[in-house]
Protein backbone atom coordinates (compact mmCIF):
# COMPACT_ATOMS: atom_id res chain seq x y z
CA MET A 1 -111.44 -67.33 6.85
CA ASN A 2 -107.95 -66.51 8.04
CA VAL A 3 -105.35 -64.36 6.35
CA ASN A 4 -101.61 -64.66 6.92
CA GLN A 5 -99.93 -62.10 9.11
CA ILE A 6 -96.16 -61.72 8.95
CA SER A 7 -94.42 -61.03 12.26
CA VAL A 8 -90.84 -59.82 11.99
CA PHE A 9 -88.37 -59.58 14.87
CA LEU A 10 -86.64 -56.17 14.66
CA GLU A 11 -83.84 -54.58 16.61
CA ASN A 12 -85.09 -51.41 18.27
CA ARG A 13 -82.74 -49.00 16.50
CA THR A 14 -83.18 -45.96 14.31
CA GLY A 15 -83.92 -46.81 10.69
CA LYS A 16 -84.64 -50.52 11.10
CA LEU A 17 -88.38 -50.10 10.42
CA ALA A 18 -87.69 -47.89 7.41
CA GLU A 19 -85.17 -50.43 6.08
CA THR A 20 -87.64 -53.28 6.45
CA THR A 21 -90.55 -51.49 4.79
CA ARG A 22 -88.24 -50.27 1.99
CA MET A 23 -87.23 -53.89 1.24
CA LEU A 24 -90.87 -54.69 0.63
CA ALA A 25 -91.63 -51.46 -1.25
CA ASN A 26 -88.73 -52.06 -3.63
CA GLU A 27 -90.30 -55.40 -4.59
CA GLY A 28 -93.83 -53.98 -5.06
CA ILE A 29 -95.33 -55.36 -1.84
CA ASP A 30 -98.30 -53.33 -0.55
CA ILE A 31 -98.60 -53.18 3.24
CA ARG A 32 -102.30 -53.23 4.18
CA ALA A 33 -101.91 -53.17 7.98
CA ILE A 34 -99.01 -52.66 10.35
CA ASN A 35 -98.56 -52.91 14.10
CA ILE A 36 -95.47 -52.73 16.26
CA ALA A 37 -95.07 -54.13 19.76
CA GLU A 38 -91.77 -53.05 21.23
CA THR A 39 -89.47 -53.15 24.21
CA ALA A 40 -86.29 -51.21 24.85
CA ASP A 41 -84.18 -53.64 22.79
CA TYR A 42 -86.41 -55.17 20.12
CA GLY A 43 -89.80 -55.04 18.49
CA ILE A 44 -92.24 -57.32 16.75
CA LEU A 45 -93.49 -55.84 13.48
CA ARG A 46 -96.83 -57.37 12.48
CA MET A 47 -98.06 -56.83 8.93
CA ILE A 48 -100.81 -57.84 6.56
CA VAL A 49 -99.50 -57.49 3.01
CA ASP A 50 -100.97 -58.10 -0.43
CA ASP A 51 -98.68 -61.10 -1.10
CA ALA A 52 -97.57 -62.76 2.15
CA GLU A 53 -95.52 -65.56 0.54
CA LYS A 54 -93.54 -63.16 -1.64
CA ALA A 55 -93.00 -60.76 1.27
CA ALA A 56 -91.82 -63.57 3.56
CA ASN A 57 -89.34 -64.76 0.93
CA ILE A 58 -87.97 -61.23 0.49
CA LEU A 59 -87.56 -60.73 4.23
CA LEU A 60 -85.97 -64.15 4.73
CA ALA A 61 -83.53 -63.47 1.87
CA HIS A 62 -82.43 -60.34 3.76
CA GLY A 63 -81.83 -62.33 6.95
CA CYS A 64 -84.97 -61.32 8.83
CA ILE A 65 -86.41 -63.58 11.51
CA LEU A 66 -90.16 -63.98 10.98
CA THR A 67 -93.23 -66.10 11.49
CA MET A 68 -96.48 -66.37 9.52
CA THR A 69 -99.56 -66.44 11.71
CA PRO A 70 -103.20 -66.93 10.72
CA VAL A 71 -105.40 -64.05 11.87
CA THR A 72 -109.07 -63.24 11.35
CA VAL A 73 -110.18 -60.01 9.69
CA VAL A 74 -113.68 -58.75 10.40
CA GLY A 75 -115.43 -55.95 8.53
CA LEU A 76 -117.45 -53.61 10.72
CA LEU A 77 -119.80 -50.80 9.83
CA ASP A 78 -117.77 -47.62 10.05
CA GLN A 79 -119.89 -45.99 12.72
CA PRO A 80 -119.82 -45.47 16.48
CA ALA A 81 -120.28 -48.60 18.63
CA SER A 82 -119.49 -51.15 15.90
CA LEU A 83 -116.25 -52.24 17.54
CA ALA A 84 -117.74 -52.13 21.03
CA ASN A 85 -120.65 -54.30 19.87
CA LEU A 86 -118.33 -56.85 18.29
CA LEU A 87 -116.17 -56.96 21.42
CA ASP A 88 -119.33 -57.54 23.50
CA ILE A 89 -120.11 -60.55 21.27
CA LEU A 90 -116.59 -61.92 21.73
CA THR A 91 -116.78 -61.41 25.49
CA ALA A 92 -120.14 -63.16 25.71
CA GLY A 93 -118.68 -66.02 23.65
CA SER A 94 -115.62 -66.26 25.93
CA ILE A 95 -113.20 -65.46 23.09
CA ASP A 96 -109.82 -64.31 24.41
CA ILE A 97 -108.13 -61.70 22.22
CA GLU A 98 -104.34 -61.94 22.16
CA TYR A 99 -104.11 -58.69 20.18
CA MET A 100 -105.93 -56.70 17.52
CA TYR A 101 -105.29 -53.80 15.17
CA ALA A 102 -106.93 -52.07 12.21
CA LEU A 103 -106.31 -52.37 8.48
CA PHE A 104 -105.66 -49.31 6.35
CA THR A 105 -108.36 -50.59 3.97
CA HIS A 106 -111.69 -48.79 4.18
CA VAL A 107 -114.28 -49.92 1.65
CA LYS A 108 -118.04 -49.56 1.24
CA GLY A 109 -118.60 -47.95 4.63
CA LYS A 110 -116.68 -50.66 6.46
CA ALA A 111 -113.66 -50.53 8.71
CA TYR A 112 -111.59 -53.70 9.05
CA MET A 113 -110.13 -55.13 12.26
CA VAL A 114 -107.50 -57.87 12.56
CA PHE A 115 -107.90 -60.28 15.47
CA ARG A 116 -105.48 -62.85 16.83
CA VAL A 117 -107.41 -65.01 19.27
CA THR A 118 -106.71 -68.15 21.27
CA ASP A 119 -109.29 -70.24 19.41
CA ASP A 120 -109.85 -69.46 15.70
CA GLU A 121 -112.51 -72.14 15.22
CA LYS A 122 -114.53 -70.92 18.17
CA LEU A 123 -114.33 -67.37 16.84
CA ALA A 124 -115.50 -68.47 13.37
CA LYS A 125 -118.48 -70.33 14.84
CA LEU A 126 -119.41 -67.43 17.11
CA LEU A 127 -119.22 -64.88 14.29
CA SER A 128 -121.26 -67.14 12.02
CA SER A 129 -123.93 -67.56 14.70
CA LYS A 130 -124.27 -63.76 14.82
CA GLY A 131 -124.42 -63.40 11.03
CA ILE A 132 -120.93 -61.91 10.82
CA ALA A 133 -118.73 -63.28 8.05
CA PRO A 134 -114.97 -62.98 8.33
CA VAL A 135 -113.48 -61.03 5.46
CA THR A 136 -111.97 -63.03 2.62
CA LYS A 137 -108.54 -62.51 1.10
CA GLU A 138 -110.25 -61.62 -2.18
CA GLU A 139 -112.34 -58.88 -0.52
CA LEU A 140 -109.10 -57.31 0.74
CA GLY A 141 -107.24 -57.83 -2.53
CA LEU A 142 -104.73 -60.23 -0.97
CA ARG A 143 -103.04 -63.09 -2.80
């Protein structure tokens, strides 16, 4: 199952990240994961939040440029080699990872990883064949 990631185009200037996260905080949005890819002039802020639709509407109302992208979240045992083992499975299944990052959430001995891949359906089938279930929105407390 996919969750919605919000990607926001940000100018690379002092305070812009703080301003953007404050907009969401002021409206009660909980950021569950955050990642920034940047260049000298701009950055792409990627976030998983508890209410993606509400967050997107807030950001759009403030003139932000954004996209919503489906990503897959996988829960791993929080122990050495769990990520390496999962990445071995993806490699063997010829799954190309565009990017990945971790969620802040840590529950029941699990760590959670966000994956954006080139083929979501192929990833879902591969994970299922290995007995790995993608994490649901409900498990993460997302709306």
